[in-house]
């Protein structure tokens, strides 16, 4: 995701990653990804629940990504049953392009 940061920012969008663990784990993840964006922790899973992400079989945290506009309105949600495969960069770039077109941008 880090390598897409320039393309994401070019679409007037910012990246923010929220993980379900402690801040120390989020910091390690940010370092490992060499993330040029914030990586935050949500150990109580309040953000996860607020956006409809749940656990399956009571132990596996479902993941995905959400596109919010600058007013905080959810414009797109992708939920995945497989936490190891929750991000599809082709899908993200397509959604960003569609959102730009909806705003009348080239």
PDB file of N, CA and C in Angstrom:
ATOM      1  N   UNK A   1       0.813  -1.184   0.000  1.00  0.00           N
ATOM      2  CA  UNK A   1       0.000   0.000   0.000  1.00  0.00           C
ATOM      3  C   UNK A   1       0.863   1.257   0.000  1.00  0.00           C
ATOM      4  N   UNK A   2       1.996   1.170   0.634  1.00  0.00           N
ATOM      5  CA  UNK A   2       2.880   2.326   0.699  1.00  0.00           C
ATOM      6  C   UNK A   2       3.308   2.815  -0.668  1.00  0.00           C
ATOM      7  N   UNK A   3       3.554   1.877  -1.595  1.00  0.00           N
ATOM      8  CA  UNK A   3       3.991   2.282  -2.923  1.00  0.00           C
ATOM      9  C   UNK A   3       2.884   2.948  -3.721  1.00  0.00           C
ATOM     10  N   UNK A   4       1.637   2.809  -3.280  1.00  0.00           N
ATOM     11  CA  UNK A   4       0.503   3.465  -3.942  1.00  0.00           C
ATOM     12  C   UNK A   4       0.198   4.832  -3.347  1.00  0.00           C
ATOM     13  N   UNK A   5       0.933   5.211  -2.311  1.00  0.00           N
ATOM     14  CA  UNK A   5       0.599   6.426  -1.576  1.00  0.00           C
ATOM     15  C   UNK A   5       0.547   7.662  -2.476  1.00  0.00           C
ATOM     16  N   UNK A   6       1.481   7.792  -3.417  1.00  0.00           N
ATOM     17  CA  UNK A   6       1.471   8.957  -4.305  1.00  0.00           C
ATOM     18  C   UNK A   6       0.225   8.970  -5.183  1.00  0.00           C
ATOM     19  N   UNK A   7      -0.167   7.796  -5.709  1.00  0.00           N
ATOM     20  CA  UNK A   7      -1.375   7.721  -6.523  1.00  0.00           C
ATOM     21  C   UNK A   7      -2.612   8.029  -5.695  1.00  0.00           C
ATOM     22  N   UNK A   8      -2.634   7.533  -4.484  1.00  0.00           N
ATOM     23  CA  UNK A   8      -3.775   7.783  -3.601  1.00  0.00           C
ATOM     24  C   UNK A   8      -3.861   9.274  -3.291  1.00  0.00           C
ATOM     25  N   UNK A   9      -2.738   9.876  -2.932  1.00  0.00           N
ATOM     26  CA  UNK A   9      -2.714  11.312  -2.628  1.00  0.00           C
ATOM     27  C   UNK A   9      -3.064  12.133  -3.858  1.00  0.00           C
ATOM     28  N   UNK A  10      -2.677  11.660  -5.048  1.00  0.00           N
ATOM     29  CA  UNK A  10      -3.004  12.355  -6.284  1.00  0.00           C
ATOM     30  C   UNK A  10      -4.488  12.376  -6.570  1.00  0.00           C
ATOM     31  N   UNK A  11      -5.240  11.520  -5.921  1.00  0.00           N
ATOM     32  CA  UNK A  11      -6.690  11.478  -6.056  1.00  0.00           C
ATOM     33  C   UNK A  11      -7.365  12.220  -4.896  1.00  0.00           C
ATOM     34  N   UNK A  12      -6.620  13.148  -4.299  1.00  0.00           N
ATOM     35  CA  UNK A  12      -7.140  13.941  -3.168  1.00  0.00           C
ATOM     36  C   UNK A  12      -7.674  13.048  -2.061  1.00  0.00           C
ATOM     37  N   UNK A  13      -6.930  11.987  -1.806  1.00  0.00           N
ATOM     38  CA  UNK A  13      -7.309  11.015  -0.789  1.00  0.00           C
ATOM     39  C   UNK A  13      -6.085  10.758   0.082  1.00  0.00           C
ATOM     40  N   UNK A  14      -6.306  10.477   1.341  1.00  0.00           N
ATOM     41  CA  UNK A  14      -5.206  10.168   2.251  1.00  0.00           C
ATOM     42  C   UNK A  14      -5.352   8.739   2.743  1.00  0.00           C
ATOM     43  N   UNK A  15      -4.249   8.141   3.095  1.00  0.00           N
ATOM     44  CA  UNK A  15      -4.237   6.771   3.601  1.00  0.00           C
ATOM     45  C   UNK A  15      -4.064   6.796   5.111  1.00  0.00           C
ATOM     46  N   UNK A  16      -4.812   5.925   5.760  1.00  0.00           N
ATOM     47  CA  UNK A  16      -4.720   5.737   7.204  1.00  0.00           C
ATOM     48  C   UNK A  16      -4.991   4.266   7.458  1.00  0.00           C
ATOM     49  N   UNK A  17      -4.102   3.594   8.167  1.00  0.00           N
ATOM     50  CA  UNK A  17      -4.281   2.183   8.489  1.00  0.00           C
ATOM     51  C   UNK A  17      -4.611   2.068   9.972  1.00  0.00           C
ATOM     52  N   UNK A  18      -5.617   1.253  10.277  1.00  0.00           N
ATOM     53  CA  UNK A  18      -5.997   0.997  11.670  1.00  0.00           C
ATOM     54  C   UNK A  18      -5.950  -0.502  11.885  1.00  0.00           C
ATOM     55  N   UNK A  19      -5.175  -0.930  12.858  1.00  0.00           N
ATOM     56  CA  UNK A  19      -5.051  -2.353  13.177  1.00  0.00           C
ATOM     57  C   UNK A  19      -5.697  -2.671  14.511  1.00  0.00           C
ATOM     58  N   UNK A  20      -6.070  -3.941  14.715  1.00  0.00           N
ATOM     59  CA  UNK A  20      -6.793  -4.311  15.933  1.00  0.00           C
ATOM     60  C   UNK A  20      -5.914  -4.601  17.144  1.00  0.00           C
ATOM     61  N   UNK A  21      -4.658  -4.252  17.071  1.00  0.00           N
ATOM     62  CA  UNK A  21      -3.751  -4.583  18.179  1.00  0.00           C
ATOM     63  C   UNK A  21      -3.238  -3.335  18.883  1.00  0.00           C
ATOM     64  N   UNK A  22      -2.269  -3.531  19.773  1.00  0.00           N
ATOM     65  CA  UNK A  22      -1.693  -2.428  20.553  1.00  0.00           C
ATOM     66  C   UNK A  22      -0.882  -1.477  19.669  1.00  0.00           C
ATOM     67  N   UNK A  23      -0.649  -0.278  20.175  1.00  0.00           N
ATOM     68  CA  UNK A  23       0.102   0.733  19.432  1.00  0.00           C
ATOM     69  C   UNK A  23       1.527   0.269  19.118  1.00  0.00           C
ATOM     70  N   UNK A  24       2.145  -0.495  20.019  1.00  0.00           N
ATOM     71  CA  UNK A  24       3.504  -0.985  19.758  1.00  0.00           C
ATOM     72  C   UNK A  24       3.517  -1.883  18.521  1.00  0.00           C
ATOM     73  N   UNK A  25       2.483  -2.683  18.329  1.00  0.00           N
ATOM     74  CA  UNK A  25       2.384  -3.552  17.156  1.00  0.00           C
ATOM     75  C   UNK A  25       2.135  -2.707  15.913  1.00  0.00           C
ATOM     76  N   UNK A  26       1.311  -1.673  16.034  1.00  0.00           N
ATOM     77  CA  UNK A  26       1.049  -0.775  14.911  1.00  0.00           C
ATOM     78  C   UNK A  26       2.337  -0.078  14.481  1.00  0.00           C
ATOM     79  N   UNK A  27       3.144   0.313  15.452  1.00  0.00           N
ATOM     80  CA  UNK A  27       4.407   0.973  15.139  1.00  0.00           C
ATOM     81  C   UNK A  27       5.341   0.032  14.376  1.00  0.00           C
ATOM     82  N   UNK A  28       5.411  -1.215  14.813  1.00  0.00           N
ATOM     83  CA  UNK A  28       6.242  -2.202  14.114  1.00  0.00           C
ATOM     84  C   UNK A  28       5.728  -2.440  12.691  1.00  0.00           C
ATOM     85  N   UNK A  29       4.413  -2.507  12.541  1.00  0.00           N
ATOM     86  CA  UNK A  29       3.825  -2.699  11.210  1.00  0.00           C
ATOM     87  C   UNK A  29       4.169  -1.527  10.307  1.00  0.00           C
ATOM     88  N   UNK A  30       4.088  -0.319  10.824  1.00  0.00           N
ATOM     89  CA  UNK A  30       4.417   0.877  10.038  1.00  0.00           C
ATOM     90  C   UNK A  30       5.872   0.835   9.583  1.00  0.00           C
ATOM     91  N   UNK A  31       6.747   0.416  10.481  1.00  0.00           N
ATOM     92  CA  UNK A  31       8.168   0.316  10.130  1.00  0.00           C
ATOM     93  C   UNK A  31       8.391  -0.761   9.075  1.00  0.00           C
ATOM     94  N   UNK A  32       7.738  -1.901   9.233  1.00  0.00           N
ATOM     95  CA  UNK A  32       7.893  -3.002   8.285  1.00  0.00           C
ATOM     96  C   UNK A  32       7.376  -2.602   6.898  1.00  0.00           C
ATOM     97  N   UNK A  33       6.247  -1.891   6.847  1.00  0.00           N
ATOM     98  CA  UNK A  33       5.670  -1.452   5.572  1.00  0.00           C
ATOM     99  C   UNK A  33       6.384  -0.236   5.001  1.00  0.00           C
ATOM    100  N   UNK A  34       7.242   0.386   5.840  1.00  0.00           N
ATOM    101  CA  UNK A  34       7.844   1.668   5.475  1.00  0.00           C
ATOM    102  C   UNK A  34       6.727   2.633   5.071  1.00  0.00           C
ATOM    103  N   UNK A  35       5.703   2.671   5.910  1.00  0.00           N
ATOM    104  CA  UNK A  35       4.483   3.412   5.618  1.00  0.00           C
ATOM    105  C   UNK A  35       4.699   4.927   5.675  1.00  0.00           C
ATOM    106  N   UNK A  36       4.385   5.620   4.579  1.00  0.00           N
ATOM    107  CA  UNK A  36       4.445   7.078   4.585  1.00  0.00           C
ATOM    108  C   UNK A  36       3.133   7.691   5.065  1.00  0.00           C
ATOM    109  N   UNK A  37       2.320   6.881   5.746  1.00  0.00           N
ATOM    110  CA  UNK A  37       1.019   7.304   6.250  1.00  0.00           C
ATOM    111  C   UNK A  37       0.868   6.796   7.679  1.00  0.00           C
ATOM    112  N   UNK A  38      -0.085   7.329   8.430  1.00  0.00           N
ATOM    113  CA  UNK A  38      -0.275   6.882   9.815  1.00  0.00           C
ATOM    114  C   UNK A  38      -0.766   5.438   9.905  1.00  0.00           C
ATOM    115  N   UNK A  39      -0.227   4.702  10.861  1.00  0.00           N
ATOM    116  CA  UNK A  39      -0.700   3.361  11.193  1.00  0.00           C
ATOM    117  C   UNK A  39      -1.085   3.415  12.670  1.00  0.00           C
ATOM    118  N   UNK A  40      -2.356   3.253  12.937  1.00  0.00           N
ATOM    119  CA  UNK A  40      -2.890   3.415  14.288  1.00  0.00           C
ATOM    120  C   UNK A  40      -3.355   2.084  14.863  1.00  0.00           C
ATOM    121  N   UNK A  41      -3.573   2.069  16.158  1.00  0.00           N
ATOM    122  CA  UNK A  41      -4.036   0.869  16.846  1.00  0.00           C
ATOM    123  C   UNK A  41      -5.475   1.055  17.314  1.00  0.00           C
ATOM    124  N   UNK A  42      -6.211  -0.046  17.297  1.00  0.00           N
ATOM    125  CA  UNK A  42      -7.598  -0.072  17.777  1.00  0.00           C
ATOM    126  C   UNK A  42      -7.796  -1.336  18.608  1.00  0.00           C
ATOM    127  N   UNK A  43      -7.061  -1.441  19.736  1.00  0.00           N
ATOM    128  CA  UNK A  43      -7.111  -2.691  20.502  1.00  0.00           C
ATOM    129  C   UNK A  43      -8.502  -3.025  21.043  1.00  0.00           C
ATOM    130  N   UNK A  44      -9.334  -2.041  21.263  1.00  0.00           N
ATOM    131  CA  UNK A  44     -10.696  -2.294  21.729  1.00  0.00           C
ATOM    132  C   UNK A  44     -11.670  -2.529  20.588  1.00  0.00           C
ATOM    133  N   UNK A  45     -11.178  -2.391  19.361  1.00  0.00           N
ATOM    134  CA  UNK A  45     -11.947  -2.620  18.132  1.00  0.00           C
ATOM    135  C   UNK A  45     -13.170  -1.709  17.990  1.00  0.00           C
ATOM    136  N   UNK A  46     -13.113  -0.525  18.574  1.00  0.00           N
ATOM    137  CA  UNK A  46     -14.236   0.404  18.440  1.00  0.00           C
ATOM    138  C   UNK A  46     -14.405   0.866  16.994  1.00  0.00           C
ATOM    139  N   UNK A  47     -13.299   1.204  16.332  1.00  0.00           N
ATOM    140  CA  UNK A  47     -13.388   1.644  14.930  1.00  0.00           C
ATOM    141  C   UNK A  47     -13.855   0.494  14.049  1.00  0.00           C
ATOM    142  N   UNK A  48     -13.344  -0.689  14.306  1.00  0.00           N
ATOM    143  CA  UNK A  48     -13.767  -1.854  13.522  1.00  0.00           C
ATOM    144  C   UNK A  48     -15.278  -2.032  13.608  1.00  0.00           C
ATOM    145  N   UNK A  49     -15.801  -2.014  14.813  1.00  0.00           N
ATOM    146  CA  UNK A  49     -17.242  -2.203  14.995  1.00  0.00           C
ATOM    147  C   UNK A  49     -18.037  -1.054  14.387  1.00  0.00           C
ATOM    148  N   UNK A  50     -17.531   0.168  14.532  1.00  0.00           N
ATOM    149  CA  UNK A  50     -18.248   1.334  13.999  1.00  0.00           C
ATOM    150  C   UNK A  50     -18.436   1.236  12.488  1.00  0.00           C
ATOM    151  N   UNK A  51     -17.487   0.605  11.809  1.00  0.00           N
ATOM    152  CA  UNK A  51     -17.572   0.470  10.353  1.00  0.00           C
ATOM    153  C   UNK A  51     -18.045  -0.910   9.915  1.00  0.00           C
ATOM    154  N   UNK A  52     -18.580  -1.687  10.854  1.00  0.00           N
ATOM    155  CA  UNK A  52     -19.205  -2.958  10.508  1.00  0.00           C
ATOM    156  C   UNK A  52     -18.287  -4.139  10.306  1.00  0.00           C
ATOM    157  N   UNK A  53     -17.046  -4.028  10.769  1.00  0.00           N
ATOM    158  CA  UNK A  53     -16.136  -5.172  10.673  1.00  0.00           C
ATOM    159  C   UNK A  53     -16.320  -6.027  11.914  1.00  0.00           C
ATOM    160  N   UNK A  54     -16.502  -7.306  11.717  1.00  0.00           N
ATOM    161  CA  UNK A  54     -16.785  -8.221  12.813  1.00  0.00           C
ATOM    162  C   UNK A  54     -15.755  -9.346  12.836  1.00  0.00           C
ATOM    163  N   UNK A  55     -15.919 -10.227  13.794  1.00  0.00           N
ATOM    164  CA  UNK A  55     -15.092 -11.433  13.850  1.00  0.00           C
ATOM    165  C   UNK A  55     -15.917 -12.594  13.301  1.00  0.00           C
ATOM    166  N   UNK A  56     -15.228 -13.549  12.704  1.00  0.00           N
ATOM    167  CA  UNK A  56     -15.912 -14.772  12.311  1.00  0.00           C
ATOM    168  C   UNK A  56     -15.383 -15.889  13.197  1.00  0.00           C
ATOM    169  N   UNK A  57     -16.243 -16.813  13.504  1.00  0.00           N
ATOM    170  CA  UNK A  57     -15.889 -17.911  14.408  1.00  0.00           C
ATOM    171  C   UNK A  57     -15.362 -17.387  15.742  1.00  0.00           C
ATOM    172  N   UNK A  58     -15.735 -16.160  16.086  1.00  0.00           N
ATOM    173  CA  UNK A  58     -15.386 -15.493  17.342  1.00  0.00           C
ATOM    174  C   UNK A  58     -13.911 -15.216  17.524  1.00  0.00           C
ATOM    175  N   UNK A  59     -13.064 -15.568  16.561  1.00  0.00           N
ATOM    176  CA  UNK A  59     -11.628 -15.350  16.747  1.00  0.00           C
ATOM    177  C   UNK A  59     -10.937 -14.651  15.583  1.00  0.00           C
ATOM    178  N   UNK A  60     -11.471 -14.757  14.378  1.00  0.00           N
ATOM    179  CA  UNK A  60     -10.802 -14.196  13.213  1.00  0.00           C
ATOM    180  C   UNK A  60     -11.389 -12.825  12.900  1.00  0.00           C
ATOM    181  N   UNK A  61     -10.578 -11.787  13.086  1.00  0.00           N
ATOM    182  CA  UNK A  61     -11.027 -10.422  12.803  1.00  0.00           C
ATOM    183  C   UNK A  61     -11.119 -10.225  11.297  1.00  0.00           C
ATOM    184  N   UNK A  62     -12.321  -9.954  10.806  1.00  0.00           N
ATOM    185  CA  UNK A  62     -12.473  -9.651   9.386  1.00  0.00           C
ATOM    186  C   UNK A  62     -11.871  -8.286   9.126  1.00  0.00           C
ATOM    187  N   UNK A  63     -11.315  -8.094   7.950  1.00  0.00           N
ATOM    188  CA  UNK A  63     -10.674  -6.827   7.642  1.00  0.00           C
ATOM    189  C   UNK A  63     -11.127  -6.335   6.281  1.00  0.00           C
ATOM    190  N   UNK A  64     -10.567  -5.246   5.859  1.00  0.00           N
ATOM    191  CA  UNK A  64     -10.922  -4.650   4.583  1.00  0.00           C
ATOM    192  C   UNK A  64     -10.470  -3.211   4.560  1.00  0.00           C
ATOM    193  N   UNK A  65     -11.115  -2.421   3.719  1.00  0.00           N
ATOM    194  CA  UNK A  65     -10.761  -1.009   3.646  1.00  0.00           C
ATOM    195  C   UNK A  65     -11.993  -0.185   3.323  1.00  0.00           C
ATOM    196  N   UNK A  66     -11.904   1.081   3.683  1.00  0.00           N
ATOM    197  CA  UNK A  66     -13.022   2.012   3.530  1.00  0.00           C
ATOM    198  C   UNK A  66     -12.502   3.283   2.887  1.00  0.00           C
ATOM    199  N   UNK A  67     -13.277   3.816   1.965  1.00  0.00           N
ATOM    200  CA  UNK A  67     -12.947   5.099   1.356  1.00  0.00           C
ATOM    201  C   UNK A  67     -13.924   6.133   1.907  1.00  0.00           C
ATOM    202  N   UNK A  68     -13.374   7.122   2.600  1.00  0.00           N
ATOM    203  CA  UNK A  68     -14.174   8.222   3.147  1.00  0.00           C
ATOM    204  C   UNK A  68     -13.861   9.475   2.350  1.00  0.00           C
ATOM    205  N   UNK A  69     -14.860  10.326   2.153  1.00  0.00           N
ATOM    206  CA  UNK A  69     -14.566  11.605   1.508  1.00  0.00           C
ATOM    207  C   UNK A  69     -14.091  12.595   2.561  1.00  0.00           C
ATOM    208  N   UNK A  70     -13.767  13.808   2.137  1.00  0.00           N
ATOM    209  CA  UNK A  70     -13.181  14.769   3.083  1.00  0.00           C
ATOM    210  C   UNK A  70     -14.163  15.210   4.163  1.00  0.00           C
ATOM    211  N   UNK A  71     -15.453  14.961   3.965  1.00  0.00           N
ATOM    212  CA  UNK A  71     -16.450  15.257   5.005  1.00  0.00           C
ATOM    213  C   UNK A  71     -16.663  14.071   5.948  1.00  0.00           C
ATOM    214  N   UNK A  72     -15.961  12.972   5.672  1.00  0.00           N
ATOM    215  CA  UNK A  72     -16.091  11.790   6.520  1.00  0.00           C
ATOM    216  C   UNK A  72     -17.215  10.857   6.102  1.00  0.00           C
ATOM    217  N   UNK A  73     -17.786  11.069   4.927  1.00  0.00           N
ATOM    218  CA  UNK A  73     -18.864  10.213   4.431  1.00  0.00           C
ATOM    219  C   UNK A  73     -18.254   8.982   3.767  1.00  0.00           C
ATOM    220  N   UNK A  74     -18.753   7.808   4.134  1.00  0.00           N
ATOM    221  CA  UNK A  74     -18.268   6.569   3.542  1.00  0.00           C
ATOM    222  C   UNK A  74     -18.718   6.512   2.089  1.00  0.00           C
ATOM    223  N   UNK A  75     -17.748   6.421   1.188  1.00  0.00           N
ATOM    224  CA  UNK A  75     -18.045   6.353  -0.247  1.00  0.00           C
ATOM    225  C   UNK A  75     -17.872   4.939  -0.800  1.00  0.00           C
ATOM    226  N   UNK A  76     -17.127   4.097  -0.085  1.00  0.00           N
ATOM    227  CA  UNK A  76     -16.925   2.729  -0.550  1.00  0.00           C
ATOM    228  C   UNK A  76     -16.418   1.892   0.615  1.00  0.00           C
ATOM    229  N   UNK A  77     -16.892   0.662   0.702  1.00  0.00           N
ATOM    230  CA  UNK A  77     -16.426  -0.263   1.727  1.00  0.00           C
ATOM    231  C   UNK A  77     -16.116  -1.604   1.081  1.00  0.00           C
ATOM    232  N   UNK A  78     -14.983  -2.143   1.419  1.00  0.00           N
ATOM    233  CA  UNK A  78     -14.587  -3.477   0.968  1.00  0.00           C
ATOM    234  C   UNK A  78     -14.336  -4.307   2.222  1.00  0.00           C
ATOM    235  N   UNK A  79     -15.144  -5.347   2.404  1.00  0.00           N
ATOM    236  CA  UNK A  79     -14.949  -6.247   3.542  1.00  0.00           C
ATOM    237  C   UNK A  79     -14.442  -7.582   3.023  1.00  0.00           C
ATOM    238  N   UNK A  80     -13.526  -8.184   3.740  1.00  0.00           N
ATOM    239  CA  UNK A  80     -12.940  -9.446   3.317  1.00  0.00           C
ATOM    240  C   UNK A  80     -13.126 -10.495   4.396  1.00  0.00           C
ATOM    241  N   UNK A  81     -13.401 -11.699   3.981  1.00  0.00           N
ATOM    242  CA  UNK A  81     -13.478 -12.815   4.929  1.00  0.00           C
ATOM    243  C   UNK A  81     -12.086 -13.357   5.236  1.00  0.00           C
ATOM    244  N   UNK A  82     -11.129 -13.030   4.379  1.00  0.00           N
ATOM    245  CA  UNK A  82      -9.765 -13.522   4.547  1.00  0.00           C
ATOM    246  C   UNK A  82      -8.854 -12.361   4.932  1.00  0.00           C
ATOM    247  N   UNK A  83      -8.445 -12.270   6.196  1.00  0.00           N
ATOM    248  CA  UNK A  83      -7.619 -11.144   6.628  1.00  0.00           C
ATOM    249  C   UNK A  83      -6.276 -11.050   5.912  1.00  0.00           C
ATOM    250  N   UNK A  84      -5.806 -12.152   5.339  1.00  0.00           N
ATOM    251  CA  UNK A  84      -4.539 -12.146   4.621  1.00  0.00           C
ATOM    252  C   UNK A  84      -4.689 -11.596   3.199  1.00  0.00           C
ATOM    253  N   UNK A  85      -5.921 -11.437   2.737  1.00  0.00           N
ATOM    254  CA  UNK A  85      -6.156 -11.009   1.364  1.00  0.00           C
ATOM    255  C   UNK A  85      -7.238  -9.932   1.320  1.00  0.00           C
ATOM    256  N   UNK A  86      -7.121  -8.941   2.181  1.00  0.00           N
ATOM    257  CA  UNK A  86      -8.195  -7.950   2.297  1.00  0.00           C
ATOM    258  C   UNK A  86      -7.991  -6.726   1.417  1.00  0.00           C
ATOM    259  N   UNK A  87      -6.830  -6.599   0.789  1.00  0.00           N
ATOM    260  CA  UNK A  87      -6.548  -5.391   0.017  1.00  0.00           C
ATOM    261  C   UNK A  87      -6.238  -5.739  -1.428  1.00  0.00           C
ATOM    262  N   UNK A  88      -7.002  -5.165  -2.343  1.00  0.00           N
ATOM    263  CA  UNK A  88      -6.802  -5.371  -3.774  1.00  0.00           C
ATOM    264  C   UNK A  88      -6.505  -4.003  -4.385  1.00  0.00           C
ATOM    265  N   UNK A  89      -5.241  -3.786  -4.771  1.00  0.00           N
ATOM    266  CA  UNK A  89      -4.859  -2.463  -5.258  1.00  0.00           C
ATOM    267  C   UNK A  89      -5.569  -2.092  -6.552  1.00  0.00           C
ATOM    268  N   UNK A  90      -5.860  -3.059  -7.415  1.00  0.00           N
ATOM    269  CA  UNK A  90      -6.590  -2.771  -8.655  1.00  0.00           C
ATOM    270  C   UNK A  90      -7.981  -2.231  -8.330  1.00  0.00           C
ATOM    271  N   UNK A  91      -8.641  -2.861  -7.367  1.00  0.00           N
ATOM    272  CA  UNK A  91      -9.972  -2.415  -6.952  1.00  0.00           C
ATOM    273  C   UNK A  91      -9.909  -1.005  -6.366  1.00  0.00           C
ATOM    274  N   UNK A  92      -8.918  -0.747  -5.514  1.00  0.00           N
ATOM    275  CA  UNK A  92      -8.770   0.578  -4.910  1.00  0.00           C
ATOM    276  C   UNK A  92      -8.584   1.649  -5.980  1.00  0.00           C
ATOM    277  N   UNK A  93      -7.677   1.417  -6.925  1.00  0.00           N
ATOM    278  CA  UNK A  93      -7.417   2.415  -7.963  1.00  0.00           C
ATOM    279  C   UNK A  93      -8.648   2.649  -8.830  1.00  0.00           C
ATOM    280  N   UNK A  94      -9.416   1.592  -9.100  1.00  0.00           N
ATOM    281  CA  UNK A  94     -10.659   1.730  -9.867  1.00  0.00           C
ATOM    282  C   UNK A  94     -11.663   2.588  -9.105  1.00  0.00           C
ATOM    283  N   UNK A  95     -11.818   2.331  -7.819  1.00  0.00           N
ATOM    284  CA  UNK A  95     -12.756   3.101  -6.994  1.00  0.00           C
ATOM    285  C   UNK A  95     -12.332   4.570  -6.929  1.00  0.00           C
ATOM    286  N   UNK A  96     -11.036   4.817  -6.748  1.00  0.00           N
ATOM    287  CA  UNK A  96     -10.547   6.203  -6.712  1.00  0.00           C
ATOM    288  C   UNK A  96     -10.831   6.921  -8.027  1.00  0.00           C
ATOM    289  N   UNK A  97     -10.635   6.215  -9.137  1.00  0.00           N
ATOM    290  CA  UNK A  97     -10.901   6.807 -10.446  1.00  0.00           C
ATOM    291  C   UNK A  97     -12.391   7.125 -10.603  1.00  0.00           C
ATOM    292  N   UNK A  98     -13.250   6.195 -10.183  1.00  0.00           N
ATOM    293  CA  UNK A  98     -14.687   6.419 -10.267  1.00  0.00           C
ATOM    294  C   UNK A  98     -15.120   7.577  -9.383  1.00  0.00           C
ATOM    295  N   UNK A  99     -14.543   7.672  -8.182  1.00  0.00           N
ATOM    296  CA  UNK A  99     -14.894   8.763  -7.282  1.00  0.00           C
ATOM    297  C   UNK A  99     -14.453  10.109  -7.861  1.00  0.00           C
ATOM    298  N   UNK A 100     -13.270  10.134  -8.500  1.00  0.00           N
ATOM    299  CA  UNK A 100     -12.802  11.355  -9.155  1.00  0.00           C
ATOM    300  C   UNK A 100     -13.731  11.768 -10.272  1.00  0.00           C
ATOM    301  N   UNK A 101     -14.184  10.790 -11.070  1.00  0.00           N
ATOM    302  CA  UNK A 101     -15.118  11.072 -12.156  1.00  0.00           C
ATOM    303  C   UNK A 101     -16.436  11.594 -11.604  1.00  0.00           C
ATOM    304  N   UNK A 102     -16.879  11.054 -10.475  1.00  0.00           N
ATOM    305  CA  UNK A 102     -18.139  11.500  -9.864  1.00  0.00           C
ATOM    306  C   UNK A 102     -18.018  12.950  -9.382  1.00  0.00           C
ATOM    307  N   UNK A 103     -16.782  13.372  -9.042  1.00  0.00           N
ATOM    308  CA  UNK A 103     -16.576  14.755  -8.598  1.00  0.00           C
ATOM    309  C   UNK A 103     -16.328  15.670  -9.804  1.00  0.00           C
ATOM    310  N   UNK A 104     -16.317  15.092 -11.019  1.00  0.00           N
ATOM    311  CA  UNK A 104     -16.069  15.884 -12.223  1.00  0.00           C
ATOM    312  C   UNK A 104     -14.612  16.159 -12.494  1.00  0.00           C
ATOM    313  N   UNK A 105     -13.736  15.309 -11.944  1.00  0.00           N
ATOM    314  CA  UNK A 105     -12.303  15.475 -12.148  1.00  0.00           C
ATOM    315  C   UNK A 105     -11.848  14.582 -13.288  1.00  0.00           C
ATOM    316  N   UNK A 106     -10.810  14.979 -14.006  1.00  0.00           N
ATOM    317  CA  UNK A 106     -10.302  14.142 -15.102  1.00  0.00           C
ATOM    318  C   UNK A 106      -9.716  12.840 -14.610  1.00  0.00           C
TER     319      UNK A 106
END
